Structures are given as C-alpha cells and as structure tokens.
Amino acid sequence: MTLTPAHEVTTAPVVALGLLGGFITARESGFRPLGGLVLAAAGVLAGRTTLATRGPGMTVALAALYVLGFGASHPLAKKIGGWPSVLSVTAVSMAAQHLLVDRHRRR
C-alpha cells in the first residue's frame, strides 16, 4: 500500500472527515475511543500535508485549531446542540485548512 504524496492531499475534506467522522463514529458505536481514533488518523493525514506544504509552524498552529475545535465542541454542544456544534467547529477548521494549506499545495 502506498500513500498519496503529501503535497497532493487536499486537507480540508480530511479535516471534515476527522471531526464529523469522529463524532458520528463515537455516537453510533457508543465507543468514544473509536471516534477519537478516526479524529486522530485524519489529523495525522492532514498534518502530514500541512508539514510538507507549509512547514512546522503552520502545522502546529492548525493542529492546535483542530484539537481546540474538538475540545470546544463539547461545551458549545451544551448551548447549541451536538450537530450544530460539530458543524460549526468543522467549518472553521475546514476554512483554515483550505485558506492556509490547500491553496498553497503544488498541483
């Protein structure tokens, strides 16, 4: 099995997969660590491209946004509900990835 070269991966959908897929996996399986595994795997894949494209500083910044968004979705869910919360933090992370990474990838 060969991974797609890092500079060819579009990260915004990968981030969406991690946040939305992690939420759905945890919710439907009833096993939160499984959702965390989906979240982590997508984060590593997006981070690989970010590192190759934009360097370590941007990788750390966007990884922090991803993890903080995940963390913020929990208290936010108590105010606006689970789905609106997850969709909101996903939209922010996707927009950041698109603007700061995907637009700078080699094609």
N, C-alpha and C. Protein backbone atom coordinates (compact mmCIF):
# COMPACT_ATOMS: atom_id res chain seq x y z
N MET A 1 0.84 -1.17 0.00
CA MET A 1 0.00 0.00 0.00
C MET A 1 0.89 1.24 0.00
N THR A 2 0.56 2.18 -0.86
CA THR A 2 1.34 3.40 -0.97
C THR A 2 0.45 4.60 -0.65
N LEU A 3 0.95 5.50 0.18
CA LEU A 3 0.21 6.72 0.48
C LEU A 3 0.36 7.71 -0.67
N THR A 4 -0.67 8.48 -0.91
CA THR A 4 -0.59 9.57 -1.87
C THR A 4 0.47 10.55 -1.38
N PRO A 5 1.30 11.08 -2.28
CA PRO A 5 2.30 12.07 -1.84
C PRO A 5 1.63 13.21 -1.07
N ALA A 6 2.30 13.65 -0.02
CA ALA A 6 1.71 14.64 0.89
C ALA A 6 1.23 15.89 0.17
N HIS A 7 1.98 16.38 -0.78
CA HIS A 7 1.60 17.63 -1.45
C HIS A 7 0.39 17.47 -2.37
N GLU A 8 -0.09 16.25 -2.57
CA GLU A 8 -1.25 16.02 -3.42
C GLU A 8 -2.55 15.84 -2.64
N VAL A 9 -2.48 15.79 -1.32
CA VAL A 9 -3.66 15.57 -0.49
C VAL A 9 -4.35 16.90 -0.21
N THR A 10 -5.65 16.97 -0.48
CA THR A 10 -6.45 18.14 -0.14
C THR A 10 -6.89 17.99 1.31
N THR A 11 -6.47 18.90 2.17
CA THR A 11 -6.65 18.71 3.60
C THR A 11 -8.01 19.10 4.16
N ALA A 12 -8.70 20.04 3.55
CA ALA A 12 -9.99 20.48 4.11
C ALA A 12 -10.99 19.31 4.24
N PRO A 13 -11.16 18.46 3.22
CA PRO A 13 -12.07 17.33 3.40
C PRO A 13 -11.56 16.30 4.41
N VAL A 14 -10.25 16.19 4.54
CA VAL A 14 -9.70 15.25 5.53
C VAL A 14 -10.03 15.72 6.93
N VAL A 15 -9.92 17.02 7.17
CA VAL A 15 -10.28 17.60 8.47
C VAL A 15 -11.77 17.39 8.74
N ALA A 16 -12.60 17.58 7.71
CA ALA A 16 -14.03 17.34 7.88
C ALA A 16 -14.30 15.88 8.23
N LEU A 17 -13.60 14.98 7.55
CA LEU A 17 -13.74 13.57 7.84
C LEU A 17 -13.38 13.28 9.30
N GLY A 18 -12.31 13.89 9.78
CA GLY A 18 -11.88 13.65 11.15
C GLY A 18 -12.89 14.13 12.18
N LEU A 19 -13.36 15.35 12.01
CA LEU A 19 -14.28 15.92 13.00
C LEU A 19 -15.68 15.32 12.89
N LEU A 20 -16.23 15.31 11.69
CA LEU A 20 -17.57 14.74 11.51
C LEU A 20 -17.56 13.22 11.65
N GLY A 21 -16.57 12.59 11.02
CA GLY A 21 -16.48 11.13 11.10
C GLY A 21 -16.22 10.64 12.51
N GLY A 22 -15.38 11.37 13.23
CA GLY A 22 -15.12 11.00 14.63
C GLY A 22 -16.38 11.12 15.48
N PHE A 23 -17.12 12.20 15.28
CA PHE A 23 -18.37 12.41 16.02
C PHE A 23 -19.37 11.31 15.71
N ILE A 24 -19.57 11.03 14.43
CA ILE A 24 -20.54 10.01 14.02
C ILE A 24 -20.11 8.63 14.52
N THR A 25 -18.82 8.33 14.40
CA THR A 25 -18.33 7.02 14.84
C THR A 25 -18.54 6.83 16.33
N ALA A 26 -18.19 7.85 17.12
CA ALA A 26 -18.36 7.75 18.58
C ALA A 26 -19.84 7.64 18.94
N ARG A 27 -20.66 8.43 18.28
CA ARG A 27 -22.08 8.45 18.59
C ARG A 27 -22.77 7.13 18.22
N GLU A 28 -22.49 6.64 17.02
CA GLU A 28 -23.19 5.44 16.55
C GLU A 28 -22.64 4.15 17.14
N SER A 29 -21.35 4.13 17.44
CA SER A 29 -20.77 2.91 18.02
C SER A 29 -20.96 2.86 19.52
N GLY A 30 -21.15 4.04 20.14
CA GLY A 30 -21.22 4.09 21.60
C GLY A 30 -19.86 3.92 22.25
N PHE A 31 -18.81 3.92 21.44
CA PHE A 31 -17.44 3.71 21.93
C PHE A 31 -16.61 4.93 21.55
N ARG A 32 -16.53 5.89 22.47
CA ARG A 32 -15.88 7.16 22.19
C ARG A 32 -14.43 7.04 21.73
N PRO A 33 -13.64 6.10 22.28
CA PRO A 33 -12.25 5.98 21.79
C PRO A 33 -12.16 5.66 20.30
N LEU A 34 -13.14 4.98 19.75
CA LEU A 34 -13.14 4.69 18.32
C LEU A 34 -13.31 5.98 17.52
N GLY A 35 -14.17 6.86 17.99
CA GLY A 35 -14.31 8.17 17.36
C GLY A 35 -13.02 8.97 17.47
N GLY A 36 -12.34 8.85 18.60
CA GLY A 36 -11.06 9.52 18.78
C GLY A 36 -10.01 9.00 17.83
N LEU A 37 -10.07 7.73 17.52
CA LEU A 37 -9.13 7.13 16.55
C LEU A 37 -9.34 7.72 15.15
N VAL A 38 -10.60 7.88 14.75
CA VAL A 38 -10.92 8.50 13.46
C VAL A 38 -10.40 9.94 13.46
N LEU A 39 -10.67 10.67 14.53
CA LEU A 39 -10.21 12.05 14.67
C LEU A 39 -8.69 12.14 14.55
N ALA A 40 -7.99 11.27 15.26
CA ALA A 40 -6.52 11.29 15.26
C ALA A 40 -5.94 10.91 13.90
N ALA A 41 -6.49 9.87 13.27
CA ALA A 41 -5.97 9.43 11.97
C ALA A 41 -6.11 10.53 10.92
N ALA A 42 -7.26 11.18 10.88
CA ALA A 42 -7.46 12.26 9.92
C ALA A 42 -6.55 13.44 10.24
N GLY A 43 -6.36 13.72 11.52
CA GLY A 43 -5.47 14.81 11.92
C GLY A 43 -4.03 14.56 11.50
N VAL A 44 -3.59 13.34 11.63
CA VAL A 44 -2.22 12.99 11.21
C VAL A 44 -2.08 13.12 9.70
N LEU A 45 -3.07 12.66 8.95
CA LEU A 45 -3.01 12.76 7.50
C LEU A 45 -3.00 14.22 7.04
N ALA A 46 -3.86 15.04 7.62
CA ALA A 46 -3.87 16.47 7.27
C ALA A 46 -2.58 17.14 7.71
N GLY A 47 -2.07 16.76 8.88
CA GLY A 47 -0.83 17.33 9.38
C GLY A 47 0.36 17.00 8.50
N ARG A 48 0.36 15.82 7.93
CA ARG A 48 1.44 15.40 7.02
C ARG A 48 1.52 16.34 5.81
N THR A 49 0.39 16.66 5.24
CA THR A 49 0.36 17.57 4.10
C THR A 49 0.70 18.99 4.53
N THR A 50 0.18 19.42 5.67
CA THR A 50 0.48 20.76 6.16
C THR A 50 1.97 20.92 6.39
N LEU A 51 2.60 19.93 6.98
CA LEU A 51 4.04 19.98 7.22
C LEU A 51 4.81 20.06 5.91
N ALA A 52 4.44 19.26 4.94
CA ALA A 52 5.14 19.24 3.66
C ALA A 52 4.92 20.53 2.87
N THR A 53 3.77 21.13 3.05
CA THR A 53 3.40 22.30 2.25
C THR A 53 3.76 23.62 2.92
N ARG A 54 3.53 23.71 4.23
CA ARG A 54 3.66 24.99 4.92
C ARG A 54 4.66 25.01 6.07
N GLY A 55 5.21 23.87 6.44
CA GLY A 55 6.23 23.83 7.47
C GLY A 55 5.70 23.57 8.87
N PRO A 56 6.64 23.44 9.83
CA PRO A 56 6.24 23.04 11.19
C PRO A 56 5.41 24.07 11.94
N GLY A 57 5.68 25.35 11.74
CA GLY A 57 4.92 26.37 12.48
C GLY A 57 3.44 26.33 12.13
N MET A 58 3.14 26.29 10.86
CA MET A 58 1.74 26.23 10.41
C MET A 58 1.11 24.91 10.82
N THR A 59 1.90 23.85 10.80
CA THR A 59 1.38 22.53 11.21
C THR A 59 0.94 22.56 12.67
N VAL A 60 1.77 23.13 13.53
CA VAL A 60 1.43 23.22 14.95
C VAL A 60 0.19 24.10 15.14
N ALA A 61 0.14 25.24 14.44
CA ALA A 61 -0.99 26.15 14.59
C ALA A 61 -2.30 25.50 14.16
N LEU A 62 -2.29 24.83 13.02
CA LEU A 62 -3.52 24.21 12.53
C LEU A 62 -3.89 22.95 13.32
N ALA A 63 -2.90 22.25 13.81
CA ALA A 63 -3.19 21.10 14.69
C ALA A 63 -3.84 21.59 15.98
N ALA A 64 -3.35 22.71 16.50
CA ALA A 64 -3.95 23.28 17.71
C ALA A 64 -5.39 23.70 17.45
N LEU A 65 -5.65 24.32 16.30
CA LEU A 65 -7.01 24.71 15.96
C LEU A 65 -7.92 23.48 15.87
N TYR A 66 -7.43 22.42 15.27
CA TYR A 66 -8.19 21.17 15.11
C TYR A 66 -8.53 20.57 16.49
N VAL A 67 -7.52 20.47 17.33
CA VAL A 67 -7.72 19.87 18.66
C VAL A 67 -8.57 20.78 19.55
N LEU A 68 -8.30 22.08 19.51
CA LEU A 68 -9.11 23.02 20.30
C LEU A 68 -10.55 23.07 19.81
N GLY A 69 -10.74 22.95 18.49
CA GLY A 69 -12.10 22.89 17.96
C GLY A 69 -12.84 21.68 18.47
N PHE A 70 -12.15 20.55 18.48
CA PHE A 70 -12.74 19.33 19.03
C PHE A 70 -13.12 19.55 20.50
N GLY A 71 -12.20 20.11 21.27
CA GLY A 71 -12.47 20.37 22.69
C GLY A 71 -13.59 21.38 22.89
N ALA A 72 -13.61 22.43 22.08
CA ALA A 72 -14.63 23.47 22.21
C ALA A 72 -16.01 22.98 21.80
N SER A 73 -16.05 21.96 20.97
CA SER A 73 -17.35 21.47 20.52
C SER A 73 -18.18 20.88 21.67
N HIS A 74 -17.52 20.40 22.69
CA HIS A 74 -18.24 19.80 23.81
C HIS A 74 -19.03 20.83 24.62
N PRO A 75 -18.39 21.90 25.14
CA PRO A 75 -19.20 22.89 25.85
C PRO A 75 -20.16 23.65 24.92
N LEU A 76 -19.75 23.84 23.68
CA LEU A 76 -20.62 24.51 22.72
C LEU A 76 -21.88 23.68 22.48
N ALA A 77 -21.74 22.37 22.47
CA ALA A 77 -22.88 21.48 22.26
C ALA A 77 -23.94 21.65 23.35
N LYS A 78 -23.51 21.99 24.55
CA LYS A 78 -24.47 22.20 25.64
C LYS A 78 -25.31 23.45 25.40
N LYS A 79 -24.79 24.39 24.61
CA LYS A 79 -25.51 25.63 24.33
C LYS A 79 -26.34 25.57 23.06
N ILE A 80 -25.78 24.94 22.01
CA ILE A 80 -26.47 24.97 20.71
C ILE A 80 -26.84 23.58 20.18
N GLY A 81 -26.41 22.53 20.84
CA GLY A 81 -26.71 21.18 20.39
C GLY A 81 -25.51 20.51 19.75
N GLY A 82 -25.54 19.20 19.71
CA GLY A 82 -24.41 18.42 19.21
C GLY A 82 -24.07 18.66 17.75
N TRP A 83 -25.04 18.49 16.88
CA TRP A 83 -24.77 18.66 15.45
C TRP A 83 -24.37 20.09 15.10
N PRO A 84 -25.09 21.12 15.56
CA PRO A 84 -24.66 22.48 15.23
C PRO A 84 -23.25 22.78 15.74
N SER A 85 -22.91 22.24 16.88
CA SER A 85 -21.58 22.46 17.44
C SER A 85 -20.50 21.82 16.57
N VAL A 86 -20.70 20.56 16.22
CA VAL A 86 -19.71 19.86 15.40
C VAL A 86 -19.61 20.49 14.02
N LEU A 87 -20.72 20.88 13.45
CA LEU A 87 -20.70 21.52 12.14
C LEU A 87 -19.98 22.87 12.19
N SER A 88 -20.17 23.60 13.27
CA SER A 88 -19.50 24.90 13.41
C SER A 88 -17.99 24.77 13.50
N VAL A 89 -17.50 23.90 14.37
CA VAL A 89 -16.05 23.76 14.51
C VAL A 89 -15.45 23.13 13.26
N THR A 90 -16.20 22.27 12.59
CA THR A 90 -15.72 21.68 11.34
C THR A 90 -15.58 22.75 10.27
N ALA A 91 -16.55 23.64 10.18
CA ALA A 91 -16.49 24.71 9.18
C ALA A 91 -15.28 25.61 9.41
N VAL A 92 -14.98 25.94 10.66
CA VAL A 92 -13.83 26.79 10.97
C VAL A 92 -12.53 26.07 10.59
N SER A 93 -12.40 24.81 10.97
CA SER A 93 -11.18 24.06 10.66
C SER A 93 -11.01 23.85 9.16
N MET A 94 -12.10 23.55 8.48
CA MET A 94 -12.02 23.36 7.03
C MET A 94 -11.61 24.66 6.33
N ALA A 95 -12.19 25.77 6.74
CA ALA A 95 -11.86 27.06 6.12
C ALA A 95 -10.38 27.39 6.33
N ALA A 96 -9.90 27.16 7.54
CA ALA A 96 -8.48 27.44 7.83
C ALA A 96 -7.58 26.55 6.99
N GLN A 97 -7.89 25.27 6.90
CA GLN A 97 -7.07 24.36 6.10
C GLN A 97 -7.07 24.76 4.64
N HIS A 98 -8.25 25.11 4.14
CA HIS A 98 -8.33 25.49 2.73
C HIS A 98 -7.51 26.75 2.45
N LEU A 99 -7.72 27.77 3.27
CA LEU A 99 -7.05 29.05 3.03
C LEU A 99 -5.55 28.99 3.28
N LEU A 100 -5.14 28.24 4.30
CA LEU A 100 -3.74 28.27 4.72
C LEU A 100 -2.90 27.13 4.16
N VAL A 101 -3.54 26.08 3.67
CA VAL A 101 -2.78 24.93 3.17
C VAL A 101 -3.16 24.59 1.73
N ASP A 102 -4.41 24.28 1.51
CA ASP A 102 -4.81 23.74 0.20
C ASP A 102 -4.54 24.71 -0.94
N ARG A 103 -4.69 25.98 -0.72
CA ARG A 103 -4.42 26.96 -1.78
C ARG A 103 -2.93 27.08 -2.09
N HIS A 104 -2.09 26.53 -1.21
CA HIS A 104 -0.64 26.62 -1.40
C HIS A 104 0.00 25.32 -1.86
N ARG A 105 -0.82 24.28 -2.05
CA ARG A 105 -0.28 22.99 -2.49
C ARG A 105 0.20 23.06 -3.92
N ARG A 106 1.21 22.24 -4.24
CA ARG A 106 1.61 22.05 -5.64
C ARG A 106 0.59 21.17 -6.30
N ARG A 107 0.27 21.46 -7.51
CA ARG A 107 -0.73 20.65 -8.21
C ARG A 107 -0.13 19.86 -9.30
